């Protein structure tokens, strides 16, 4: 990686380290790491790697790895803020529109065929497949 000296850590990882150090300075003896800090650690591990993140944040590698793996295996909930299904005509016509939070949209206009599996179509759109 050009432009980075050995031993330097990225800004986001340094900020995470600072947050962990601040918590460690003020915590009570025996207190568990708060969930918000574990969430930060998982996010940083995905970006910078497990070993590097565990070292920078002074975390147990195996504990961080388990948390990263559990977050990866958790199903991503589908959340729709608006869903409208209404028959458009007796001729078997259907319009399906989906939009995600980033602005990507999908519009499907079907004529003269069976209504597709709407849940499967939406899952594919929102998962990016």
Protein backbone atom coordinates (compact mmCIF):
# COMPACT_ATOMS: atom_id res chain seq x y z
CA UNK A 1 0.00 0.00 0.00
CA UNK A 2 1.76 3.08 -1.23
CA UNK A 3 1.74 6.21 0.88
CA UNK A 4 1.38 4.50 4.26
CA UNK A 5 4.30 3.91 6.58
CA UNK A 6 4.68 0.72 8.55
CA UNK A 7 2.96 0.99 11.91
CA UNK A 8 0.57 3.77 10.89
CA UNK A 9 -3.11 3.03 11.26
CA UNK A 10 -5.97 4.54 9.28
CA UNK A 11 -7.89 7.46 10.75
CA UNK A 12 -11.11 5.46 11.31
CA UNK A 13 -9.21 2.77 13.22
CA UNK A 14 -7.38 5.41 15.29
CA UNK A 15 -10.71 7.02 16.20
CA UNK A 16 -12.08 3.63 17.22
CA UNK A 17 -8.99 3.00 19.35
CA UNK A 18 -9.51 6.39 21.03
CA UNK A 19 -13.14 5.55 21.84
CA UNK A 20 -12.12 2.22 23.40
CA UNK A 21 -9.35 3.88 25.41
CA UNK A 22 -11.76 6.55 26.68
CA UNK A 23 -14.21 3.85 27.79
CA UNK A 24 -11.43 1.87 29.49
CA UNK A 25 -10.32 4.94 31.46
CA UNK A 26 -13.82 5.51 32.88
CA UNK A 27 -15.19 1.98 33.22
CA UNK A 28 -15.75 0.16 36.46
CA UNK A 29 -13.55 -2.85 37.10
CA UNK A 30 -15.10 -5.96 35.55
CA UNK A 31 -17.53 -4.02 33.35
CA UNK A 32 -18.27 -5.59 29.99
CA UNK A 33 -17.61 -3.77 26.74
CA UNK A 34 -20.81 -1.93 25.71
CA UNK A 35 -22.66 -3.19 22.64
CA UNK A 36 -22.13 0.12 20.82
CA UNK A 37 -18.35 -0.39 21.05
CA UNK A 38 -18.63 -4.00 19.85
CA UNK A 39 -20.67 -2.77 16.89
CA UNK A 40 -17.94 -0.25 16.11
CA UNK A 41 -15.28 -2.97 16.39
CA UNK A 42 -17.18 -5.26 13.99
CA UNK A 43 -17.54 -2.43 11.48
CA UNK A 44 -13.82 -1.63 11.71
CA UNK A 45 -12.88 -5.32 11.39
CA UNK A 46 -14.85 -5.59 8.17
CA UNK A 47 -13.00 -2.56 6.82
CA UNK A 48 -9.47 -3.21 8.11
CA UNK A 49 -9.33 -6.93 8.91
CA UNK A 50 -9.70 -8.91 12.12
CA UNK A 51 -6.08 -9.07 13.24
CA UNK A 52 -5.32 -5.43 12.65
CA UNK A 53 -8.52 -4.26 14.35
CA UNK A 54 -8.13 -6.58 17.35
CA UNK A 55 -4.58 -5.35 17.84
CA UNK A 56 -5.42 -1.66 17.51
CA UNK A 57 -8.44 -1.87 19.82
CA UNK A 58 -6.73 -4.28 22.24
CA UNK A 59 -9.47 -6.88 21.87
CA UNK A 60 -9.35 -10.64 21.99
CA UNK A 61 -9.06 -11.85 18.36
CA UNK A 62 -11.39 -14.84 18.83
CA UNK A 63 -14.09 -12.77 20.55
CA UNK A 64 -14.03 -10.22 17.74
CA UNK A 65 -14.06 -12.97 15.11
CA UNK A 66 -17.16 -14.57 16.67
CA UNK A 67 -18.97 -11.25 16.64
CA UNK A 68 -18.04 -10.55 13.01
CA UNK A 69 -19.20 -14.03 11.98
CA UNK A 70 -22.48 -13.72 13.90
CA UNK A 71 -23.21 -10.37 12.22
CA UNK A 72 -22.44 -11.89 8.80
CA UNK A 73 -24.81 -14.81 9.33
CA UNK A 74 -27.69 -12.75 10.71
CA UNK A 75 -30.46 -12.32 8.14
CA UNK A 76 -30.88 -8.81 6.83
CA UNK A 77 -34.39 -7.70 7.65
CA UNK A 78 -36.44 -6.36 4.79
CA UNK A 79 -38.17 -3.17 5.72
CA UNK A 80 -40.52 -1.43 3.40
CA UNK A 81 -42.03 1.88 4.33
CA UNK A 82 -44.62 1.77 1.56
CA UNK A 83 -46.16 -1.15 -0.29
CA UNK A 84 -49.21 -0.85 -2.51
CA UNK A 85 -50.76 -3.77 -4.37
CA UNK A 86 -53.78 -2.99 -6.42
CA UNK A 87 -55.28 -4.57 -9.52
CA UNK A 88 -54.74 -2.34 -12.55
CA UNK A 89 -57.10 -4.05 -14.95
CA UNK A 90 -58.84 -7.30 -15.75
CA UNK A 91 -56.36 -7.92 -18.59
CA UNK A 92 -53.66 -9.25 -16.20
CA UNK A 93 -51.56 -6.12 -15.99
CA UNK A 94 -49.26 -5.42 -13.04
CA UNK A 95 -46.78 -2.67 -12.16
CA UNK A 96 -44.23 -3.25 -9.39
CA UNK A 97 -42.00 -0.45 -8.12
CA UNK A 98 -39.27 -0.81 -5.48
CA UNK A 99 -36.88 1.78 -4.10
CA UNK A 100 -34.14 1.37 -1.51
CA UNK A 101 -32.70 3.97 0.84
CA UNK A 102 -29.76 4.79 -1.43
CA UNK A 103 -32.03 5.90 -4.28
CA UNK A 104 -31.81 2.77 -6.44
CA UNK A 105 -35.16 1.89 -7.94
CA UNK A 106 -36.76 -0.94 -9.88
CA UNK A 107 -39.94 -0.73 -11.96
CA UNK A 108 -41.46 -3.81 -13.56
CA UNK A 109 -44.52 -3.53 -15.80
CA UNK A 110 -46.14 -6.86 -16.64
CA UNK A 111 -48.92 -7.49 -19.13
CA UNK A 112 -50.78 -10.68 -19.88
CA UNK A 113 -49.01 -12.98 -17.43
CA UNK A 114 -49.36 -14.34 -13.93
CA UNK A 115 -48.38 -12.10 -11.04
CA UNK A 116 -44.79 -12.94 -10.06
CA UNK A 117 -43.62 -13.90 -6.61
CA UNK A 118 -43.46 -10.34 -5.25
CA UNK A 119 -41.58 -11.23 -2.07
CA UNK A 120 -38.83 -13.03 -4.02
CA UNK A 121 -38.53 -10.15 -6.48
CA UNK A 122 -38.24 -7.60 -3.68
CA UNK A 123 -35.69 -9.76 -1.78
CA UNK A 124 -33.48 -9.99 -4.87
CA UNK A 125 -33.67 -6.23 -5.41
CA UNK A 126 -32.86 -5.27 -1.84
CA UNK A 127 -30.08 -7.84 -1.44
CA UNK A 128 -28.39 -6.62 -4.64
CA UNK A 129 -28.41 -10.02 -6.36
